[in-house]
Amino acid sequence: MTVKLLALYRKPQDVDAFLAHYNDVHMPLIAKVPGLQKAVVNRVDKTLMGDNPYFLIAELHFADQAAFDAGMASPENRAAGKDLMSFARDLVTLIAVGEQSA
């Protein structure tokens, strides 16, 4: 079963500065995490029901729980986490999910 880390970001005050750091600094760090199969960044345009608390939703895909655990424990992920806390500590919620087919 594919395991994903989802990063749910609320809208920052300075969108341009956030996106510049996110794309130029943070995502290159994420790309180095061992076992990462792909990273998908989704920009939230609107909600179909209720209020929209999110600006971006990032998905980090790993083949299975073992790959996820190894990636999360890696020095590369610790570096990405340290960076995340430097620019988005108050904006991000991180959750781990297992992908299931319908």
PDB file of N, CA and C in Angstrom:
ATOM      1  N   MET A   1       0.837  -1.170   0.000  1.00  0.00           N
ATOM      2  CA  MET A   1       0.000   0.000   0.000  1.00  0.00           C
ATOM      3  C   MET A   1       0.887   1.240   0.000  1.00  0.00           C
ATOM      4  N   THR A   2       0.613   2.171  -0.897  1.00  0.00           N
ATOM      5  CA  THR A   2       1.323   3.437  -0.936  1.00  0.00           C
ATOM      6  C   THR A   2       1.037   4.218   0.339  1.00  0.00           C
ATOM      7  N   VAL A   3       2.084   4.774   0.924  1.00  0.00           N
ATOM      8  CA  VAL A   3       1.945   5.625   2.100  1.00  0.00           C
ATOM      9  C   VAL A   3       2.342   7.029   1.685  1.00  0.00           C
ATOM     10  N   LYS A   4       1.538   8.006   2.106  1.00  0.00           N
ATOM     11  CA  LYS A   4       1.805   9.392   1.739  1.00  0.00           C
ATOM     12  C   LYS A   4       1.886  10.271   2.980  1.00  0.00           C
ATOM     13  N   LEU A   5       2.763  11.240   2.905  1.00  0.00           N
ATOM     14  CA  LEU A   5       2.766  12.329   3.861  1.00  0.00           C
ATOM     15  C   LEU A   5       2.050  13.479   3.173  1.00  0.00           C
ATOM     16  N   LEU A   6       1.012  13.993   3.807  1.00  0.00           N
ATOM     17  CA  LEU A   6       0.300  15.156   3.284  1.00  0.00           C
ATOM     18  C   LEU A   6       0.665  16.359   4.133  1.00  0.00           C
ATOM     19  N   ALA A   7       1.049  17.426   3.467  1.00  0.00           N
ATOM     20  CA  ALA A   7       1.327  18.700   4.133  1.00  0.00           C
ATOM     21  C   ALA A   7       0.233  19.663   3.710  1.00  0.00           C
ATOM     22  N   LEU A   8      -0.568  20.084   4.675  1.00  0.00           N
ATOM     23  CA  LEU A   8      -1.699  20.972   4.429  1.00  0.00           C
ATOM     24  C   LEU A   8      -1.303  22.372   4.887  1.00  0.00           C
ATOM     25  N   TYR A   9      -1.208  23.307   3.941  1.00  0.00           N
ATOM     26  CA  TYR A   9      -0.741  24.660   4.242  1.00  0.00           C
ATOM     27  C   TYR A   9      -1.881  25.663   4.212  1.00  0.00           C
ATOM     28  N   ARG A  10      -1.978  26.459   5.285  1.00  0.00           N
ATOM     29  CA  ARG A  10      -2.886  27.595   5.283  1.00  0.00           C
ATOM     30  C   ARG A  10      -2.228  28.735   4.506  1.00  0.00           C
ATOM     31  N   LYS A  11      -3.016  29.687   4.065  1.00  0.00           N
ATOM     32  CA  LYS A  11      -2.501  30.769   3.226  1.00  0.00           C
ATOM     33  C   LYS A  11      -1.566  31.676   4.019  1.00  0.00           C
ATOM     34  N   PRO A  12      -0.356  31.885   3.501  1.00  0.00           N
ATOM     35  CA  PRO A  12       0.587  32.786   4.175  1.00  0.00           C
ATOM     36  C   PRO A  12       0.231  34.249   3.914  1.00  0.00           C
ATOM     37  N   GLN A  13       0.753  35.132   4.746  1.00  0.00           N
ATOM     38  CA  GLN A  13       0.519  36.562   4.535  1.00  0.00           C
ATOM     39  C   GLN A  13       1.171  37.037   3.251  1.00  0.00           C
ATOM     40  N   ASP A  14       2.391  36.589   2.990  1.00  0.00           N
ATOM     41  CA  ASP A  14       3.116  36.983   1.779  1.00  0.00           C
ATOM     42  C   ASP A  14       3.235  35.758   0.871  1.00  0.00           C
ATOM     43  N   VAL A  15       2.266  35.619  -0.018  1.00  0.00           N
ATOM     44  CA  VAL A  15       2.196  34.442  -0.890  1.00  0.00           C
ATOM     45  C   VAL A  15       3.428  34.331  -1.775  1.00  0.00           C
ATOM     46  N   ASP A  16       3.877  35.433  -2.352  1.00  0.00           N
ATOM     47  CA  ASP A  16       5.023  35.394  -3.268  1.00  0.00           C
ATOM     48  C   ASP A  16       6.301  34.943  -2.560  1.00  0.00           C
ATOM     49  N   ALA A  17       6.564  35.477  -1.375  1.00  0.00           N
ATOM     50  CA  ALA A  17       7.755  35.078  -0.621  1.00  0.00           C
ATOM     51  C   ALA A  17       7.660  33.611  -0.206  1.00  0.00           C
ATOM     52  N   PHE A  18       6.476  33.184   0.225  1.00  0.00           N
ATOM     53  CA  PHE A  18       6.275  31.786   0.605  1.00  0.00           C
ATOM     54  C   PHE A  18       6.568  30.868  -0.576  1.00  0.00           C
ATOM     55  N   LEU A  19       5.968  31.150  -1.725  1.00  0.00           N
ATOM     56  CA  LEU A  19       6.152  30.292  -2.900  1.00  0.00           C
ATOM     57  C   LEU A  19       7.597  30.292  -3.388  1.00  0.00           C
ATOM     58  N   ALA A  20       8.271  31.429  -3.301  1.00  0.00           N
ATOM     59  CA  ALA A  20       9.679  31.480  -3.713  1.00  0.00           C
ATOM     60  C   ALA A  20      10.512  30.553  -2.840  1.00  0.00           C
ATOM     61  N   HIS A  21      10.326  30.622  -1.526  1.00  0.00           N
ATOM     62  CA  HIS A  21      11.078  29.735  -0.632  1.00  0.00           C
ATOM     63  C   HIS A  21      10.655  28.280  -0.832  1.00  0.00           C
ATOM     64  N   TYR A  22       9.376  28.059  -0.928  1.00  0.00           N
ATOM     65  CA  TYR A  22       8.852  26.696  -1.071  1.00  0.00           C
ATOM     66  C   TYR A  22       9.429  26.019  -2.309  1.00  0.00           C
ATOM     67  N   ASN A  23       9.380  26.720  -3.436  1.00  0.00           N
ATOM     68  CA  ASN A  23       9.825  26.133  -4.704  1.00  0.00           C
ATOM     69  C   ASN A  23      11.340  26.093  -4.864  1.00  0.00           C
ATOM     70  N   ASP A  24      12.032  27.130  -4.377  1.00  0.00           N
ATOM     71  CA  ASP A  24      13.470  27.234  -4.623  1.00  0.00           C
ATOM     72  C   ASP A  24      14.335  26.588  -3.539  1.00  0.00           C
ATOM     73  N   VAL A  25      13.804  26.466  -2.326  1.00  0.00           N
ATOM     74  CA  VAL A  25      14.583  25.924  -1.214  1.00  0.00           C
ATOM     75  C   VAL A  25      13.978  24.617  -0.689  1.00  0.00           C
ATOM     76  N   HIS A  26      12.702  24.666  -0.335  1.00  0.00           N
ATOM     77  CA  HIS A  26      12.111  23.515   0.352  1.00  0.00           C
ATOM     78  C   HIS A  26      11.948  22.290  -0.562  1.00  0.00           C
ATOM     79  N   MET A  27      11.381  22.468  -1.720  1.00  0.00           N
ATOM     80  CA  MET A  27      11.152  21.302  -2.590  1.00  0.00           C
ATOM     81  C   MET A  27      12.449  20.628  -3.040  1.00  0.00           C
ATOM     82  N   PRO A  28      13.539  21.353  -3.308  1.00  0.00           N
ATOM     83  CA  PRO A  28      14.804  20.655  -3.586  1.00  0.00           C
ATOM     84  C   PRO A  28      15.284  19.810  -2.402  1.00  0.00           C
ATOM     85  N   LEU A  29      15.030  20.253  -1.163  1.00  0.00           N
ATOM     86  CA  LEU A  29      15.367  19.432   0.001  1.00  0.00           C
ATOM     87  C   LEU A  29      14.493  18.185   0.053  1.00  0.00           C
ATOM     88  N   ILE A  30      13.209  18.351  -0.217  1.00  0.00           N
ATOM     89  CA  ILE A  30      12.270  17.219  -0.221  1.00  0.00           C
ATOM     90  C   ILE A  30      12.693  16.184  -1.264  1.00  0.00           C
ATOM     91  N   ALA A  31      13.139  16.646  -2.412  1.00  0.00           N
ATOM     92  CA  ALA A  31      13.522  15.739  -3.503  1.00  0.00           C
ATOM     93  C   ALA A  31      14.654  14.802  -3.109  1.00  0.00           C
ATOM     94  N   LYS A  32      15.424  15.150  -2.087  1.00  0.00           N
ATOM     95  CA  LYS A  32      16.556  14.329  -1.643  1.00  0.00           C
ATOM     96  C   LYS A  32      16.157  13.244  -0.639  1.00  0.00           C
ATOM     97  N   VAL A  33      14.911  13.235  -0.164  1.00  0.00           N
ATOM     98  CA  VAL A  33      14.499  12.264   0.848  1.00  0.00           C
ATOM     99  C   VAL A  33      14.534  10.855   0.243  1.00  0.00           C
ATOM    100  N   PRO A  34      15.267   9.925   0.856  1.00  0.00           N
ATOM    101  CA  PRO A  34      15.351   8.558   0.327  1.00  0.00           C
ATOM    102  C   PRO A  34      13.977   7.874   0.311  1.00  0.00           C
ATOM    103  N   GLY A  35      13.743   7.138  -0.760  1.00  0.00           N
ATOM    104  CA  GLY A  35      12.503   6.376  -0.879  1.00  0.00           C
ATOM    105  C   GLY A  35      11.328   7.163  -1.426  1.00  0.00           C
ATOM    106  N   LEU A  36      11.479   8.471  -1.582  1.00  0.00           N
ATOM    107  CA  LEU A  36      10.396   9.291  -2.126  1.00  0.00           C
ATOM    108  C   LEU A  36      10.181   8.920  -3.585  1.00  0.00           C
ATOM    109  N   GLN A  37       8.970   8.469  -3.900  1.00  0.00           N
ATOM    110  CA  GLN A  37       8.658   8.098  -5.282  1.00  0.00           C
ATOM    111  C   GLN A  37       8.257   9.305  -6.115  1.00  0.00           C
ATOM    112  N   LYS A  38       7.450  10.175  -5.524  1.00  0.00           N
ATOM    113  CA  LYS A  38       7.072  11.408  -6.208  1.00  0.00           C
ATOM    114  C   LYS A  38       6.518  12.385  -5.198  1.00  0.00           C
ATOM    115  N   ALA A  39       6.579  13.646  -5.580  1.00  0.00           N
ATOM    116  CA  ALA A  39       5.996  14.722  -4.788  1.00  0.00           C
ATOM    117  C   ALA A  39       5.030  15.482  -5.689  1.00  0.00           C
ATOM    118  N   VAL A  40       3.834  15.694  -5.196  1.00  0.00           N
ATOM    119  CA  VAL A  40       2.804  16.420  -5.936  1.00  0.00           C
ATOM    120  C   VAL A  40       2.372  17.601  -5.081  1.00  0.00           C
ATOM    121  N   VAL A  41       2.365  18.788  -5.680  1.00  0.00           N
ATOM    122  CA  VAL A  41       1.912  19.977  -4.968  1.00  0.00           C
ATOM    123  C   VAL A  41       0.621  20.444  -5.626  1.00  0.00           C
ATOM    124  N   ASN A  42      -0.426  20.539  -4.816  1.00  0.00           N
ATOM    125  CA  ASN A  42      -1.750  20.941  -5.295  1.00  0.00           C
ATOM    126  C   ASN A  42      -2.080  22.323  -4.751  1.00  0.00           C
ATOM    127  N   ARG A  43      -2.373  23.260  -5.629  1.00  0.00           N
ATOM    128  CA  ARG A  43      -2.819  24.591  -5.198  1.00  0.00           C
ATOM    129  C   ARG A  43      -4.334  24.539  -5.075  1.00  0.00           C
ATOM    130  N   VAL A  44      -4.842  24.914  -3.923  1.00  0.00           N
ATOM    131  CA  VAL A  44      -6.283  24.862  -3.678  1.00  0.00           C
ATOM    132  C   VAL A  44      -6.919  26.117  -4.271  1.00  0.00           C
ATOM    133  N   ASP A  45      -7.783  25.925  -5.267  1.00  0.00           N
ATOM    134  CA  ASP A  45      -8.446  27.046  -5.928  1.00  0.00           C
ATOM    135  C   ASP A  45      -9.732  27.450  -5.220  1.00  0.00           C
ATOM    136  N   LYS A  46     -10.493  26.453  -4.776  1.00  0.00           N
ATOM    137  CA  LYS A  46     -11.759  26.742  -4.105  1.00  0.00           C
ATOM    138  C   LYS A  46     -12.247  25.473  -3.423  1.00  0.00           C
ATOM    139  N   THR A  47     -13.198  25.627  -2.560  1.00  0.00           N
ATOM    140  CA  THR A  47     -13.863  24.480  -1.965  1.00  0.00           C
ATOM    141  C   THR A  47     -15.252  24.379  -2.550  1.00  0.00           C
ATOM    142  N   LEU A  48     -15.775  23.178  -2.560  1.00  0.00           N
ATOM    143  CA  LEU A  48     -17.118  22.972  -3.078  1.00  0.00           C
ATOM    144  C   LEU A  48     -18.161  23.049  -1.972  1.00  0.00           C
ATOM    145  N   MET A  49     -17.708  22.863  -0.730  1.00  0.00           N
ATOM    146  CA  MET A  49     -18.599  22.966   0.424  1.00  0.00           C
ATOM    147  C   MET A  49     -17.810  23.549   1.590  1.00  0.00           C
ATOM    148  N   GLY A  50     -18.377  24.452   2.323  1.00  0.00           N
ATOM    149  CA  GLY A  50     -17.736  24.967   3.527  1.00  0.00           C
ATOM    150  C   GLY A  50     -16.613  25.940   3.247  1.00  0.00           C
ATOM    151  N   ASP A  51     -15.961  26.339   4.328  1.00  0.00           N
ATOM    152  CA  ASP A  51     -14.846  27.274   4.237  1.00  0.00           C
ATOM    153  C   ASP A  51     -13.589  26.560   3.771  1.00  0.00           C
ATOM    154  N   ASN A  52     -12.709  27.306   3.126  1.00  0.00           N
ATOM    155  CA  ASN A  52     -11.445  26.754   2.642  1.00  0.00           C
ATOM    156  C   ASN A  52     -10.305  27.202   3.546  1.00  0.00           C
ATOM    157  N   PRO A  53      -9.801  26.321   4.386  1.00  0.00           N
ATOM    158  CA  PRO A  53      -8.697  26.716   5.251  1.00  0.00           C
ATOM    159  C   PRO A  53      -7.320  26.539   4.592  1.00  0.00           C
ATOM    160  N   TYR A  54      -7.261  25.941   3.396  1.00  0.00           N
ATOM    161  CA  TYR A  54      -5.960  25.564   2.828  1.00  0.00           C
ATOM    162  C   TYR A  54      -5.612  26.323   1.559  1.00  0.00           C
ATOM    163  N   PHE A  55      -4.323  26.529   1.391  1.00  0.00           N
ATOM    164  CA  PHE A  55      -3.729  27.217   0.254  1.00  0.00           C
ATOM    165  C   PHE A  55      -3.030  26.210  -0.670  1.00  0.00           C
ATOM    166  N   LEU A  56      -2.232  25.320  -0.068  1.00  0.00           N
ATOM    167  CA  LEU A  56      -1.539  24.252  -0.796  1.00  0.00           C
ATOM    168  C   LEU A  56      -1.720  22.944  -0.048  1.00  0.00           C
ATOM    169  N   ILE A  57      -1.731  21.852  -0.809  1.00  0.00           N
ATOM    170  CA  ILE A  57      -1.684  20.516  -0.230  1.00  0.00           C
ATOM    171  C   ILE A  57      -0.603  19.756  -0.992  1.00  0.00           C
ATOM    172  N   ALA A  58       0.445  19.375  -0.269  1.00  0.00           N
ATOM    173  CA  ALA A  58       1.541  18.625  -0.884  1.00  0.00           C
ATOM    174  C   ALA A  58       1.407  17.157  -0.509  1.00  0.00           C
ATOM    175  N   GLU A  59       1.685  16.283  -1.469  1.00  0.00           N
ATOM    176  CA  GLU A  59       1.640  14.835  -1.261  1.00  0.00           C
ATOM    177  C   GLU A  59       3.031  14.272  -1.528  1.00  0.00           C
ATOM    178  N   LEU A  60       3.583  13.578  -0.539  1.00  0.00           N
ATOM    179  CA  LEU A  60       4.857  12.890  -0.714  1.00  0.00           C
ATOM    180  C   LEU A  60       4.567  11.398  -0.718  1.00  0.00           C
ATOM    181  N   HIS A  61       4.825  10.731  -1.831  1.00  0.00           N
ATOM    182  CA  HIS A  61       4.462   9.330  -2.043  1.00  0.00           C
ATOM    183  C   HIS A  61       5.640   8.391  -1.761  1.00  0.00           C
ATOM    184  N   PHE A  62       5.359   7.341  -0.984  1.00  0.00           N
ATOM    185  CA  PHE A  62       6.332   6.292  -0.686  1.00  0.00           C
ATOM    186  C   PHE A  62       5.701   4.945  -1.006  1.00  0.00           C
ATOM    187  N   ALA A  63       6.496   3.985  -1.436  1.00  0.00           N
ATOM    188  CA  ALA A  63       5.985   2.685  -1.892  1.00  0.00           C
ATOM    189  C   ALA A  63       5.229   1.933  -0.805  1.00  0.00           C
ATOM    190  N   ASP A  64       5.711   2.023   0.434  1.00  0.00           N
ATOM    191  CA  ASP A  64       5.104   1.250   1.522  1.00  0.00           C
ATOM    192  C   ASP A  64       5.526   1.839   2.858  1.00  0.00           C
ATOM    193  N   GLN A  65       5.066   1.239   3.936  1.00  0.00           N
ATOM    194  CA  GLN A  65       5.351   1.760   5.273  1.00  0.00           C
ATOM    195  C   GLN A  65       6.847   1.748   5.582  1.00  0.00           C
ATOM    196  N   ALA A  66       7.548   0.706   5.149  1.00  0.00           N
ATOM    197  CA  ALA A  66       8.992   0.626   5.412  1.00  0.00           C
ATOM    198  C   ALA A  66       9.740   1.766   4.714  1.00  0.00           C
ATOM    199  N   ALA A  67       9.395   2.049   3.470  1.00  0.00           N
ATOM    200  CA  ALA A  67      10.037   3.147   2.736  1.00  0.00           C
ATOM    201  C   ALA A  67       9.701   4.488   3.383  1.00  0.00           C
ATOM    202  N   PHE A  68       8.460   4.648   3.810  1.00  0.00           N
ATOM    203  CA  PHE A  68       8.031   5.870   4.489  1.00  0.00           C
ATOM    204  C   PHE A  68       8.831   6.062   5.786  1.00  0.00           C
ATOM    205  N   ASP A  69       8.895   5.017   6.606  1.00  0.00           N
ATOM    206  CA  ASP A  69       9.598   5.096   7.883  1.00  0.00           C
ATOM    207  C   ASP A  69      11.073   5.431   7.685  1.00  0.00           C
ATOM    208  N   ALA A  70      11.701   4.791   6.697  1.00  0.00           N
ATOM    209  CA  ALA A  70      13.116   5.063   6.422  1.00  0.00           C
ATOM    210  C   ALA A  70      13.306   6.497   5.933  1.00  0.00           C
ATOM    211  N   GLY A  71      12.443   6.946   5.060  1.00  0.00           N
ATOM    212  CA  GLY A  71      12.531   8.321   4.566  1.00  0.00           C
ATOM    213  C   GLY A  71      12.356   9.339   5.681  1.00  0.00           C
ATOM    214  N   MET A  72      11.383   9.106   6.551  1.00  0.00           N
ATOM    215  CA  MET A  72      11.116  10.038   7.644  1.00  0.00           C
ATOM    216  C   MET A  72      12.270  10.086   8.645  1.00  0.00           C
ATOM    217  N   ALA A  73      12.998   8.974   8.800  1.00  0.00           N
ATOM    218  CA  ALA A  73      14.109   8.902   9.756  1.00  0.00           C
ATOM    219  C   ALA A  73      15.432   9.392   9.167  1.00  0.00           C
ATOM    220  N   SER A  74      15.440   9.751   7.893  1.00  0.00           N
ATOM    221  CA  SER A  74      16.693  10.092   7.211  1.00  0.00           C
ATOM    222  C   SER A  74      17.193  11.495   7.561  1.00  0.00           C
ATOM    223  N   PRO A  75      18.506  11.706   7.438  1.00  0.00           N
ATOM    224  CA  PRO A  75      19.067  13.054   7.626  1.00  0.00           C
ATOM    225  C   PRO A  75      18.490  14.050   6.625  1.00  0.00           C
ATOM    226  N   GLU A  76      18.197  13.576   5.423  1.00  0.00           N
ATOM    227  CA  GLU A  76      17.631  14.452   4.392  1.00  0.00           C
ATOM    228  C   GLU A  76      16.253  14.961   4.820  1.00  0.00           C
ATOM    229  N   ASN A  77      15.452  14.083   5.418  1.00  0.00           N
ATOM    230  CA  ASN A  77      14.136  14.518   5.876  1.00  0.00           C
ATOM    231  C   ASN A  77      14.254  15.444   7.083  1.00  0.00           C
ATOM    232  N   ARG A  78      15.208  15.180   7.953  1.00  0.00           N
ATOM    233  CA  ARG A  78      15.416  16.083   9.092  1.00  0.00           C
ATOM    234  C   ARG A  78      15.788  17.484   8.595  1.00  0.00           C
ATOM    235  N   ALA A  79      16.599  17.574   7.552  1.00  0.00           N
ATOM    236  CA  ALA A  79      16.959  18.877   6.981  1.00  0.00           C
ATOM    237  C   ALA A  79      15.728  19.563   6.392  1.00  0.00           C
ATOM    238  N   ALA A  80      14.896  18.797   5.687  1.00  0.00           N
ATOM    239  CA  ALA A  80      13.668  19.364   5.124  1.00  0.00           C
ATOM    240  C   ALA A  80      12.717  19.806   6.234  1.00  0.00           C
ATOM    241  N   GLY A  81      12.631  19.032   7.303  1.00  0.00           N
ATOM    242  CA  GLY A  81      11.778  19.390   8.431  1.00  0.00           C
ATOM    243  C   GLY A  81      12.252  20.649   9.137  1.00  0.00           C
ATOM    244  N   LYS A  82      13.559  20.772   9.301  1.00  0.00           N
ATOM    245  CA  LYS A  82      14.118  21.980   9.915  1.00  0.00           C
ATOM    246  C   LYS A  82      13.796  23.197   9.058  1.00  0.00           C
ATOM    247  N   ASP A  83      13.932  23.045   7.742  1.00  0.00           N
ATOM    248  CA  ASP A  83      13.584  24.142   6.843  1.00  0.00           C
ATOM    249  C   ASP A  83      12.097  24.473   6.950  1.00  0.00           C
ATOM    250  N   LEU A  84      11.253  23.457   6.963  1.00  0.00           N
ATOM    251  CA  LEU A  84       9.810  23.675   7.056  1.00  0.00           C
ATOM    252  C   LEU A  84       9.461  24.498   8.290  1.00  0.00           C
ATOM    253  N   MET A  85      10.063  24.160   9.405  1.00  0.00           N
ATOM    254  CA  MET A  85       9.778  24.883  10.640  1.00  0.00           C
ATOM    255  C   MET A  85      10.277  26.328  10.586  1.00  0.00           C
ATOM    256  N   SER A  86      11.267  26.600   9.724  1.00  0.00           N
ATOM    257  CA  SER A  86      11.818  27.955   9.619  1.00  0.00           C
ATOM    258  C   SER A  86      10.900  28.913   8.860  1.00  0.00           C
ATOM    259  N   PHE A  87      10.018  28.389   8.003  1.00  0.00           N
ATOM    260  CA  PHE A  87       9.196  29.294   7.206  1.00  0.00           C
ATOM    261  C   PHE A  87       7.705  28.997   7.261  1.00  0.00           C
ATOM    262  N   ALA A  88       7.297  27.839   7.792  1.00  0.00           N
ATOM    263  CA  ALA A  88       5.874  27.495   7.749  1.00  0.00           C
ATOM    264  C   ALA A  88       5.357  26.858   9.032  1.00  0.00           C
ATOM    265  N   ARG A  89       6.063  27.001  10.112  1.00  0.00           N
ATOM    266  CA  ARG A  89       5.672  26.355  11.379  1.00  0.00           C
ATOM    267  C   ARG A  89       4.206  26.607  11.722  1.00  0.00           C
ATOM    268  N   ASP A  90       3.752  27.834  11.582  1.00  0.00           N
ATOM    269  CA  ASP A  90       2.385  28.182  11.967  1.00  0.00           C
ATOM    270  C   ASP A  90       1.369  27.983  10.847  1.00  0.00           C
ATOM    271  N   LEU A  91       1.827  27.519   9.698  1.00  0.00           N
ATOM    272  CA  LEU A  91       0.938  27.379   8.538  1.00  0.00           C
ATOM    273  C   LEU A  91       0.642  25.942   8.157  1.00  0.00           C
ATOM    274  N   VAL A  92       1.408  24.993   8.649  1.00  0.00           N
ATOM    275  CA  VAL A  92       1.335  23.626   8.117  1.00  0.00           C
ATOM    276  C   VAL A  92       0.794  22.626   9.133  1.00  0.00           C
ATOM    277  N   THR A  93       0.032  21.687   8.606  1.00  0.00           N
ATOM    278  CA  THR A  93      -0.399  20.489   9.331  1.00  0.00           C
ATOM    279  C   THR A  93       0.113  19.301   8.533  1.00  0.00           C
ATOM    280  N   LEU A  94       0.778  18.349   9.190  1.00  0.00           N
ATOM    281  CA  LEU A  94       1.315  17.161   8.523  1.00  0.00           C
ATOM    282  C   LEU A  94       0.509  15.936   8.958  1.00  0.00           C
ATOM    283  N   ILE A  95       0.094  15.124   7.977  1.00  0.00           N
ATOM    284  CA  ILE A  95      -0.597  13.880   8.287  1.00  0.00           C
ATOM    285  C   ILE A  95      -0.050  12.772   7.393  1.00  0.00           C
ATOM    286  N   ALA A  96      -0.032  11.558   7.912  1.00  0.00           N
ATOM    287  CA  ALA A  96       0.370  10.378   7.137  1.00  0.00           C
ATOM    288  C   ALA A  96      -0.880   9.586   6.815  1.00  0.00           C
ATOM    289  N   VAL A  97      -0.981   9.122   5.567  1.00  0.00           N
ATOM    290  CA  VAL A  97      -2.151   8.355   5.130  1.00  0.00           C
ATOM    291  C   VAL A  97      -1.704   7.155   4.313  1.00  0.00           C
ATOM    292  N   GLY A  98      -2.513   6.113   4.333  1.00  0.00           N
ATOM    293  CA  GLY A  98      -2.322   4.974   3.459  1.00  0.00           C
ATOM    294  C   GLY A  98      -3.323   5.056   2.328  1.00  0.00           C
ATOM    295  N   GLU A  99      -2.847   4.984   1.118  1.00  0.00           N
ATOM    296  CA  GLU A  99      -3.740   5.081  -0.047  1.00  0.00           C
ATOM    297  C   GLU A  99      -4.448   3.757  -0.264  1.00  0.00           C
ATOM    298  N   GLN A 100      -5.757   3.814  -0.420  1.00  0.00           N
ATOM    299  CA  GLN A 100      -6.554   2.629  -0.685  1.00  0.00           C
ATOM    300  C   GLN A 100      -7.313   2.823  -1.989  1.00  0.00           C
ATOM    301  N   SER A 101      -7.392   1.782  -2.781  1.00  0.00           N
ATOM    302  CA  SER A 101      -8.156   1.842  -4.033  1.00  0.00           C
ATOM    303  C   SER A 101      -9.635   1.671  -3.728  1.00  0.00           C
ATOM    304  N   ALA A 102     -10.443   2.374  -4.495  1.00  0.00           N
ATOM    305  CA  ALA A 102     -11.895   2.289  -4.290  1.00  0.00           C
ATOM    306  C   ALA A 102     -12.462   1.074  -4.999  1.00  0.00           C
TER     307      ALA A 102
END
